[in-house]
């Protein structure tokens, strides 16, 4: 189940219902719809959405004006916006993106593409927030770089400085393959006198401390390692 709240500002009832149906199928349960820019702006305050789907052609206050107001307000400027546009609104798309909208989708659109775009935008938002906070969550794994805290579920992990930095590096970019040399450079700095074999030893220790979850650290033969949680 997805916990993010999504606000749909769209005046065409059929499109709004199509979006809602596909979001609910994908596990989103906190969804609100509005038919005008005025109602949308009010709902942003009341509903505090994590993402907004914004039609540009709205009655009353149009979508570009809604976008401009939200991005000009410090209280709402960080809320991601995906614009829903007619194919002939290229100039408006450019203006909206320059205002700070995160993405756009021309009508008619594929519901699968819309859901994929939503996932991508929310993922970028999470990564940006993690970078600001120095924290990350990957399944059962939680790490806080500021406090040097690492947990697996409720279990506090006892990691050395190097083990923590290696795990944090891998977990920040799931699926990304790091060579042994890259790991040494990122954790110890360039030209640090550590052999690649020493990295292998660190990985053995990390996997042991992670128990069954250690399988998330995969060896890519002839290349290096990646973090790939189930």
C-alpha atoms as a PDB file:
ATOM      1  CA  UNK A   1       0.000   0.000   0.000  1.00  0.00           C
ATOM      2  CA  UNK A   2       1.312   3.435  -0.952  1.00  0.00           C
ATOM      3  CA  UNK A   3       1.008   6.044   1.794  1.00  0.00           C
ATOM      4  CA  UNK A   4       1.515   9.152  -0.353  1.00  0.00           C
ATOM      5  CA  UNK A   5      -1.411  11.539  -0.739  1.00  0.00           C
ATOM      6  CA  UNK A   6      -2.242  12.578  -4.290  1.00  0.00           C
ATOM      7  CA  UNK A   7      -4.394  15.545  -5.289  1.00  0.00           C
ATOM      8  CA  UNK A   8      -6.028  15.535  -8.739  1.00  0.00           C
ATOM      9  CA  UNK A   9      -7.013  18.972 -10.066  1.00  0.00           C
ATOM     10  CA  UNK A  10      -8.953  18.126 -13.229  1.00  0.00           C
ATOM     11  CA  UNK A  11     -12.284  19.490 -14.436  1.00  0.00           C
ATOM     12  CA  UNK A  12     -13.227  16.520 -16.646  1.00  0.00           C
ATOM     13  CA  UNK A  13     -14.970  14.019 -14.409  1.00  0.00           C
ATOM     14  CA  UNK A  14     -14.250  11.031 -16.680  1.00  0.00           C
ATOM     15  CA  UNK A  15     -10.504  11.730 -16.653  1.00  0.00           C
ATOM     16  CA  UNK A  16     -10.502  12.313 -12.910  1.00  0.00           C
ATOM     17  CA  UNK A  17     -12.249   8.980 -12.329  1.00  0.00           C
ATOM     18  CA  UNK A  18      -9.878   7.179 -14.712  1.00  0.00           C
ATOM     19  CA  UNK A  19      -6.891   8.517 -12.793  1.00  0.00           C
ATOM     20  CA  UNK A  20      -8.408   7.646  -9.433  1.00  0.00           C
ATOM     21  CA  UNK A  21      -9.234   4.103 -10.564  1.00  0.00           C
ATOM     22  CA  UNK A  22      -5.691   3.417 -11.747  1.00  0.00           C
ATOM     23  CA  UNK A  23      -4.105   4.965  -8.661  1.00  0.00           C
ATOM     24  CA  UNK A  24      -6.265   2.810  -6.406  1.00  0.00           C
ATOM     25  CA  UNK A  25      -5.298  -0.270  -8.422  1.00  0.00           C
ATOM     26  CA  UNK A  26      -1.671   0.631  -7.798  1.00  0.00           C
ATOM     27  CA  UNK A  27      -2.234   0.816  -4.047  1.00  0.00           C
ATOM     28  CA  UNK A  28      -2.801   4.530  -3.474  1.00  0.00           C
ATOM     29  CA  UNK A  29      -5.628   5.049  -1.003  1.00  0.00           C
ATOM     30  CA  UNK A  30      -5.303   8.738  -0.115  1.00  0.00           C
ATOM     31  CA  UNK A  31      -6.651  10.537  -3.168  1.00  0.00           C
ATOM     32  CA  UNK A  32      -8.666  13.739  -3.493  1.00  0.00           C
ATOM     33  CA  UNK A  33     -10.125  15.277  -6.636  1.00  0.00           C
ATOM     34  CA  UNK A  34     -11.026  18.894  -7.455  1.00  0.00           C
ATOM     35  CA  UNK A  35     -12.766  20.378 -10.492  1.00  0.00           C
ATOM     36  CA  UNK A  36     -11.313  23.893 -10.494  1.00  0.00           C
ATOM     37  CA  UNK A  37      -8.194  25.858  -9.670  1.00  0.00           C
ATOM     38  CA  UNK A  38      -9.875  27.610  -6.770  1.00  0.00           C
ATOM     39  CA  UNK A  39     -10.940  24.336  -5.147  1.00  0.00           C
ATOM     40  CA  UNK A  40      -7.513  22.877  -5.869  1.00  0.00           C
ATOM     41  CA  UNK A  41      -5.675  25.666  -4.065  1.00  0.00           C
ATOM     42  CA  UNK A  42      -7.967  25.251  -1.078  1.00  0.00           C
ATOM     43  CA  UNK A  43      -7.474  21.475  -1.081  1.00  0.00           C
ATOM     44  CA  UNK A  44      -3.687  21.854  -1.065  1.00  0.00           C
ATOM     45  CA  UNK A  45      -3.985  23.618   2.301  1.00  0.00           C
ATOM     46  CA  UNK A  46      -6.479  21.159   3.759  1.00  0.00           C
ATOM     47  CA  UNK A  47      -5.184  17.887   2.269  1.00  0.00           C
ATOM     48  CA  UNK A  48      -1.406  18.570   2.258  1.00  0.00           C
ATOM     49  CA  UNK A  49      -0.713  16.295  -0.741  1.00  0.00           C
ATOM     50  CA  UNK A  50       2.600  14.632  -1.500  1.00  0.00           C
ATOM     51  CA  UNK A  51       2.016  15.102  -5.237  1.00  0.00           C
ATOM     52  CA  UNK A  52      -0.365  17.087  -7.440  1.00  0.00           C
ATOM     53  CA  UNK A  53      -1.743  16.098 -10.847  1.00  0.00           C
ATOM     54  CA  UNK A  54      -2.651  19.449 -12.397  1.00  0.00           C
ATOM     55  CA  UNK A  55      -4.687  20.018 -15.552  1.00  0.00           C
ATOM     56  CA  UNK A  56      -3.690  23.253 -17.292  1.00  0.00           C
ATOM     57  CA  UNK A  57      -7.086  23.971 -18.870  1.00  0.00           C
ATOM     58  CA  UNK A  58      -9.225  24.659 -15.811  1.00  0.00           C
ATOM     59  CA  UNK A  59     -12.289  26.861 -15.356  1.00  0.00           C
ATOM     60  CA  UNK A  60     -11.650  30.035 -13.366  1.00  0.00           C
ATOM     61  CA  UNK A  61      -8.047  29.993 -12.195  1.00  0.00           C
ATOM     62  CA  UNK A  62      -6.101  28.093 -14.860  1.00  0.00           C
ATOM     63  CA  UNK A  63      -3.467  25.462 -14.155  1.00  0.00           C
ATOM     64  CA  UNK A  64      -0.477  27.698 -14.874  1.00  0.00           C
ATOM     65  CA  UNK A  65      -1.709  30.231 -12.339  1.00  0.00           C
ATOM     66  CA  UNK A  66      -2.234  27.456  -9.779  1.00  0.00           C
ATOM     67  CA  UNK A  67       1.303  26.214 -10.435  1.00  0.00           C
ATOM     68  CA  UNK A  68       2.727  29.741 -10.158  1.00  0.00           C
ATOM     69  CA  UNK A  69       1.014  30.366  -6.816  1.00  0.00           C
ATOM     70  CA  UNK A  70       2.090  27.042  -5.325  1.00  0.00           C
ATOM     71  CA  UNK A  71       5.714  27.453  -6.387  1.00  0.00           C
ATOM     72  CA  UNK A  72       5.817  31.034  -5.091  1.00  0.00           C
ATOM     73  CA  UNK A  73       4.661  29.974  -1.599  1.00  0.00           C
ATOM     74  CA  UNK A  74       7.404  28.546   0.674  1.00  0.00           C
ATOM     75  CA  UNK A  75       4.784  26.336   2.326  1.00  0.00           C
ATOM     76  CA  UNK A  76       3.911  24.549  -0.935  1.00  0.00           C
ATOM     77  CA  UNK A  77       6.864  25.090  -3.288  1.00  0.00           C
ATOM     78  CA  UNK A  78       8.335  21.637  -2.621  1.00  0.00           C
ATOM     79  CA  UNK A  79       5.179  19.693  -3.565  1.00  0.00           C
ATOM     80  CA  UNK A  80       5.836  17.879  -6.867  1.00  0.00           C
ATOM     81  CA  UNK A  81       3.504  18.776  -9.733  1.00  0.00           C
ATOM     82  CA  UNK A  82       2.800  16.715 -12.845  1.00  0.00           C
ATOM     83  CA  UNK A  83       0.964  18.784 -15.453  1.00  0.00           C
ATOM     84  CA  UNK A  84      -1.761  17.222 -17.603  1.00  0.00           C
ATOM     85  CA  UNK A  85      -1.869  19.015 -20.943  1.00  0.00           C
ATOM     86  CA  UNK A  86      -3.532  19.052 -24.329  1.00  0.00           C
ATOM     87  CA  UNK A  87      -1.129  18.316 -27.180  1.00  0.00           C
ATOM     88  CA  UNK A  88      -1.319  21.878 -28.507  1.00  0.00           C
ATOM     89  CA  UNK A  89      -0.093  23.517 -25.301  1.00  0.00           C
ATOM     90  CA  UNK A  90       3.647  23.273 -25.935  1.00  0.00           C
ATOM     91  CA  UNK A  91       4.296  26.881 -24.925  1.00  0.00           C
ATOM     92  CA  UNK A  92       2.370  26.370 -21.686  1.00  0.00           C
ATOM     93  CA  UNK A  93       4.379  23.209 -20.982  1.00  0.00           C
ATOM     94  CA  UNK A  94       7.614  25.171 -21.245  1.00  0.00           C
ATOM     95  CA  UNK A  95       6.275  27.893 -18.956  1.00  0.00           C
ATOM     96  CA  UNK A  96       5.047  25.345 -16.426  1.00  0.00           C
ATOM     97  CA  UNK A  97       8.374  23.514 -16.323  1.00  0.00           C
ATOM     98  CA  UNK A  98      10.218  26.803 -15.940  1.00  0.00           C
ATOM     99  CA  UNK A  99       7.940  27.623 -12.988  1.00  0.00           C
ATOM    100  CA  UNK A 100       9.043  24.441 -11.275  1.00  0.00           C
ATOM    101  CA  UNK A 101       6.603  21.721 -12.367  1.00  0.00           C
ATOM    102  CA  UNK A 102       8.311  18.339 -12.208  1.00  0.00           C
ATOM    103  CA  UNK A 103       6.866  16.634 -15.274  1.00  0.00           C
ATOM    104  CA  UNK A 104       4.051  16.777 -17.813  1.00  0.00           C
ATOM    105  CA  UNK A 105       1.842  14.298 -19.608  1.00  0.00           C
ATOM    106  CA  UNK A 106      -0.086  15.121 -22.810  1.00  0.00           C
ATOM    107  CA  UNK A 107      -3.677  13.937 -23.198  1.00  0.00           C
ATOM    108  CA  UNK A 108      -4.772  11.338 -24.044  1.00  0.00           C
ATOM    109  CA  UNK A 109      -2.314   9.444 -21.876  1.00  0.00           C
ATOM    110  CA  UNK A 110      -1.750   5.836 -20.924  1.00  0.00           C
ATOM    111  CA  UNK A 111      -2.710   5.149 -17.291  1.00  0.00           C
ATOM    112  CA  UNK A 112       0.354   2.893 -16.980  1.00  0.00           C
ATOM    113  CA  UNK A 113       2.600   5.718 -18.140  1.00  0.00           C
ATOM    114  CA  UNK A 114       0.954   8.104 -15.685  1.00  0.00           C
ATOM    115  CA  UNK A 115       1.524   5.729 -12.755  1.00  0.00           C
ATOM    116  CA  UNK A 116       5.143   5.219 -13.847  1.00  0.00           C
ATOM    117  CA  UNK A 117       5.688   8.996 -13.983  1.00  0.00           C
ATOM    118  CA  UNK A 118       4.181   9.354 -10.509  1.00  0.00           C
ATOM    119  CA  UNK A 119       6.521   6.689  -9.156  1.00  0.00           C
ATOM    120  CA  UNK A 120       9.511   8.419 -10.755  1.00  0.00           C
ATOM    121  CA  UNK A 121       8.644  11.868  -9.399  1.00  0.00           C
ATOM    122  CA  UNK A 122       7.962  10.576  -5.882  1.00  0.00           C
ATOM    123  CA  UNK A 123      11.197   8.595  -5.976  1.00  0.00           C
ATOM    124  CA  UNK A 124      13.187  11.696  -6.947  1.00  0.00           C
ATOM    125  CA  UNK A 125      11.547  13.570  -4.092  1.00  0.00           C
ATOM    126  CA  UNK A 126      12.483  10.837  -1.612  1.00  0.00           C
ATOM    127  CA  UNK A 127      16.090  10.751  -2.804  1.00  0.00           C
ATOM    128  CA  UNK A 128      16.353  14.545  -2.534  1.00  0.00           C
ATOM    129  CA  UNK A 129      14.903  14.475   0.990  1.00  0.00           C
ATOM    130  CA  UNK A 130      17.295  11.740   2.014  1.00  0.00           C
ATOM    131  CA  UNK A 131      20.233  13.693   0.651  1.00  0.00           C
ATOM    132  CA  UNK A 132      19.197  16.720   2.706  1.00  0.00           C
ATOM    133  CA  UNK A 133      18.692  14.710   5.875  1.00  0.00           C
ATOM    134  CA  UNK A 134      21.545  12.237   5.482  1.00  0.00           C
ATOM    135  CA  UNK A 135      19.130   9.374   6.053  1.00  0.00           C
ATOM    136  CA  UNK A 136      17.821   6.522   3.980  1.00  0.00           C
ATOM    137  CA  UNK A 137      15.363   3.644   4.236  1.00  0.00           C
ATOM    138  CA  UNK A 138      15.630   0.549   2.093  1.00  0.00           C
ATOM    139  CA  UNK A 139      13.133  -2.065   3.191  1.00  0.00           C
ATOM    140  CA  UNK A 140      14.111  -3.085   6.717  1.00  0.00           C
ATOM    141  CA  UNK A 141      17.327  -1.056   6.575  1.00  0.00           C
ATOM    142  CA  UNK A 142      17.462   2.435   8.114  1.00  0.00           C
ATOM    143  CA  UNK A 143      20.625   4.549   8.192  1.00  0.00           C
ATOM    144  CA  UNK A 144      21.331   8.016   9.556  1.00  0.00           C
ATOM    145  CA  UNK A 145      24.672   9.396   8.502  1.00  0.00           C
ATOM    146  CA  UNK A 146      24.550  12.251  10.995  1.00  0.00           C
ATOM    147  CA  UNK A 147      24.124  10.050  14.049  1.00  0.00           C
ATOM    148  CA  UNK A 148      25.928   7.039  12.521  1.00  0.00           C
ATOM    149  CA  UNK A 149      22.897   4.932  13.385  1.00  0.00           C
ATOM    150  CA  UNK A 150      22.145   1.819  11.340  1.00  0.00           C
ATOM    151  CA  UNK A 151      19.175  -0.430  12.057  1.00  0.00           C
ATOM    152  CA  UNK A 152      17.714  -3.533  10.501  1.00  0.00           C
ATOM    153  CA  UNK A 153      14.131  -3.489  11.626  1.00  0.00           C
ATOM    154  CA  UNK A 154      14.385  -2.998  15.392  1.00  0.00           C
ATOM    155  CA  UNK A 155      17.927  -4.380  15.574  1.00  0.00           C
ATOM    156  CA  UNK A 156      20.738  -1.868  16.014  1.00  0.00           C
ATOM    157  CA  UNK A 157      23.708  -2.770  13.820  1.00  0.00           C
ATOM    158  CA  UNK A 158      27.234  -2.482  15.196  1.00  0.00           C
ATOM    159  CA  UNK A 159      29.237  -1.327  12.165  1.00  0.00           C
ATOM    160  CA  UNK A 160      32.740   0.018  11.869  1.00  0.00           C
ATOM    161  CA  UNK A 161      33.233   3.389  10.184  1.00  0.00           C
ATOM    162  CA  UNK A 162      34.212   1.749   6.890  1.00  0.00           C
ATOM    163  CA  UNK A 163      31.390  -0.790   7.010  1.00  0.00           C
ATOM    164  CA  UNK A 164      28.858   1.975   7.609  1.00  0.00           C
ATOM    165  CA  UNK A 165      30.198   4.092   4.735  1.00  0.00           C
ATOM    166  CA  UNK A 166      30.271   1.167   2.316  1.00  0.00           C
ATOM    167  CA  UNK A 167      26.718   0.112   3.139  1.00  0.00           C
ATOM    168  CA  UNK A 168      25.476   3.710   2.926  1.00  0.00           C
ATOM    169  CA  UNK A 169      27.181   4.145  -0.446  1.00  0.00           C
ATOM    170  CA  UNK A 170      25.621   0.997  -1.907  1.00  0.00           C
ATOM    171  CA  UNK A 171      22.170   1.546  -0.406  1.00  0.00           C
ATOM    172  CA  UNK A 172      21.923   5.120  -1.692  1.00  0.00           C
ATOM    173  CA  UNK A 173      21.760   3.795  -5.245  1.00  0.00           C
ATOM    174  CA  UNK A 174      20.022   0.397  -5.282  1.00  0.00           C
ATOM    175  CA  UNK A 175      20.890  -1.665  -8.342  1.00  0.00           C
ATOM    176  CA  UNK A 176      23.909   0.465  -9.217  1.00  0.00           C
ATOM    177  CA  UNK A 177      27.131  -1.498  -9.603  1.00  0.00           C
ATOM    178  CA  UNK A 178      30.203  -0.068  -7.860  1.00  0.00           C
ATOM    179  CA  UNK A 179      33.671  -1.337  -8.697  1.00  0.00           C
ATOM    180  CA  UNK A 180      35.986  -2.142  -5.811  1.00  0.00           C
ATOM    181  CA  UNK A 181      38.142   0.822  -6.781  1.00  0.00           C
ATOM    182  CA  UNK A 182      35.129   3.157  -6.713  1.00  0.00           C
ATOM    183  CA  UNK A 183      34.192   1.911  -3.258  1.00  0.00           C
ATOM    184  CA  UNK A 184      37.697   2.587  -1.944  1.00  0.00           C
ATOM    185  CA  UNK A 185      37.765   6.077  -3.492  1.00  0.00           C
ATOM    186  CA  UNK A 186      34.321   6.996  -2.143  1.00  0.00           C
ATOM    187  CA  UNK A 187      34.907   5.682   1.378  1.00  0.00           C
ATOM    188  CA  UNK A 188      38.612   6.354   1.922  1.00  0.00           C
ATOM    189  CA  UNK A 189      39.439   8.962  -0.716  1.00  0.00           C
ATOM    190  CA  UNK A 190      41.510   8.690  -3.851  1.00  0.00           C
ATOM    191  CA  UNK A 191      44.979   7.119  -3.674  1.00  0.00           C
ATOM    192  CA  UNK A 192      44.247   5.574  -0.279  1.00  0.00           C
ATOM    193  CA  UNK A 193      46.500   2.512   0.124  1.00  0.00           C
ATOM    194  CA  UNK A 194      43.790  -0.146   0.405  1.00  0.00           C
ATOM    195  CA  UNK A 195      43.787  -3.252  -1.757  1.00  0.00           C
ATOM    196  CA  UNK A 196      40.677  -4.440  -3.565  1.00  0.00           C
ATOM    197  CA  UNK A 197      40.953  -7.646  -1.562  1.00  0.00           C
ATOM    198  CA  UNK A 198      40.363  -5.571   1.580  1.00  0.00           C
ATOM    199  CA  UNK A 199      37.005  -4.499   0.119  1.00  0.00           C
ATOM    200  CA  UNK A 200      36.031  -8.155  -0.259  1.00  0.00           C
ATOM    201  CA  UNK A 201      36.835  -8.744   3.403  1.00  0.00           C
ATOM    202  CA  UNK A 202      34.636  -5.765   4.388  1.00  0.00           C
ATOM    203  CA  UNK A 203      31.779  -7.219   2.339  1.00  0.00           C
ATOM    204  CA  UNK A 204      32.088 -10.570   4.098  1.00  0.00           C
ATOM    205  CA  UNK A 205      31.882  -8.812   7.467  1.00  0.00           C
ATOM    206  CA  UNK A 206      28.934  -6.677   6.370  1.00  0.00           C
ATOM    207  CA  UNK A 207      26.963  -9.662   5.110  1.00  0.00           C
ATOM    208  CA  UNK A 208      27.618 -11.507   8.361  1.00  0.00           C
ATOM    209  CA  UNK A 209      26.349  -8.592  10.445  1.00  0.00           C
ATOM    210  CA  UNK A 210      23.274  -8.202   8.223  1.00  0.00           C
ATOM    211  CA  UNK A 211      22.360 -11.881   8.540  1.00  0.00           C
ATOM    212  CA  UNK A 212      19.780 -13.027   5.982  1.00  0.00           C
ATOM    213  CA  UNK A 213      19.496  -9.426   4.749  1.00  0.00           C
ATOM    214  CA  UNK A 214      23.131  -9.660   3.679  1.00  0.00           C
ATOM    215  CA  UNK A 215      21.891 -11.296   0.464  1.00  0.00           C
ATOM    216  CA  UNK A 216      20.906  -7.779  -0.643  1.00  0.00           C
ATOM    217  CA  UNK A 217      24.618  -7.113  -1.237  1.00  0.00           C
ATOM    218  CA  UNK A 218      25.276  -8.864  -4.524  1.00  0.00           C
ATOM    219  CA  UNK A 219      28.638  -9.673  -6.053  1.00  0.00           C
ATOM    220  CA  UNK A 220      28.838  -8.754  -9.737  1.00  0.00           C
ATOM    221  CA  UNK A 221      31.512 -11.105 -11.019  1.00  0.00           C
ATOM    222  CA  UNK A 222      34.509  -9.336 -12.482  1.00  0.00           C
ATOM    223  CA  UNK A 223      33.117  -5.884 -11.635  1.00  0.00           C
ATOM    224  CA  UNK A 224      32.243  -5.210  -8.003  1.00  0.00           C
ATOM    225  CA  UNK A 225      29.161  -5.004  -5.808  1.00  0.00           C
ATOM    226  CA  UNK A 226      25.620  -3.659  -5.766  1.00  0.00           C
ATOM    227  CA  UNK A 227      22.810  -3.352  -3.248  1.00  0.00           C
ATOM    228  CA  UNK A 228      19.630  -5.008  -4.481  1.00  0.00           C
ATOM    229  CA  UNK A 229      17.027  -5.448  -1.707  1.00  0.00           C
ATOM    230  CA  UNK A 230      14.063  -7.714  -2.413  1.00  0.00           C
END
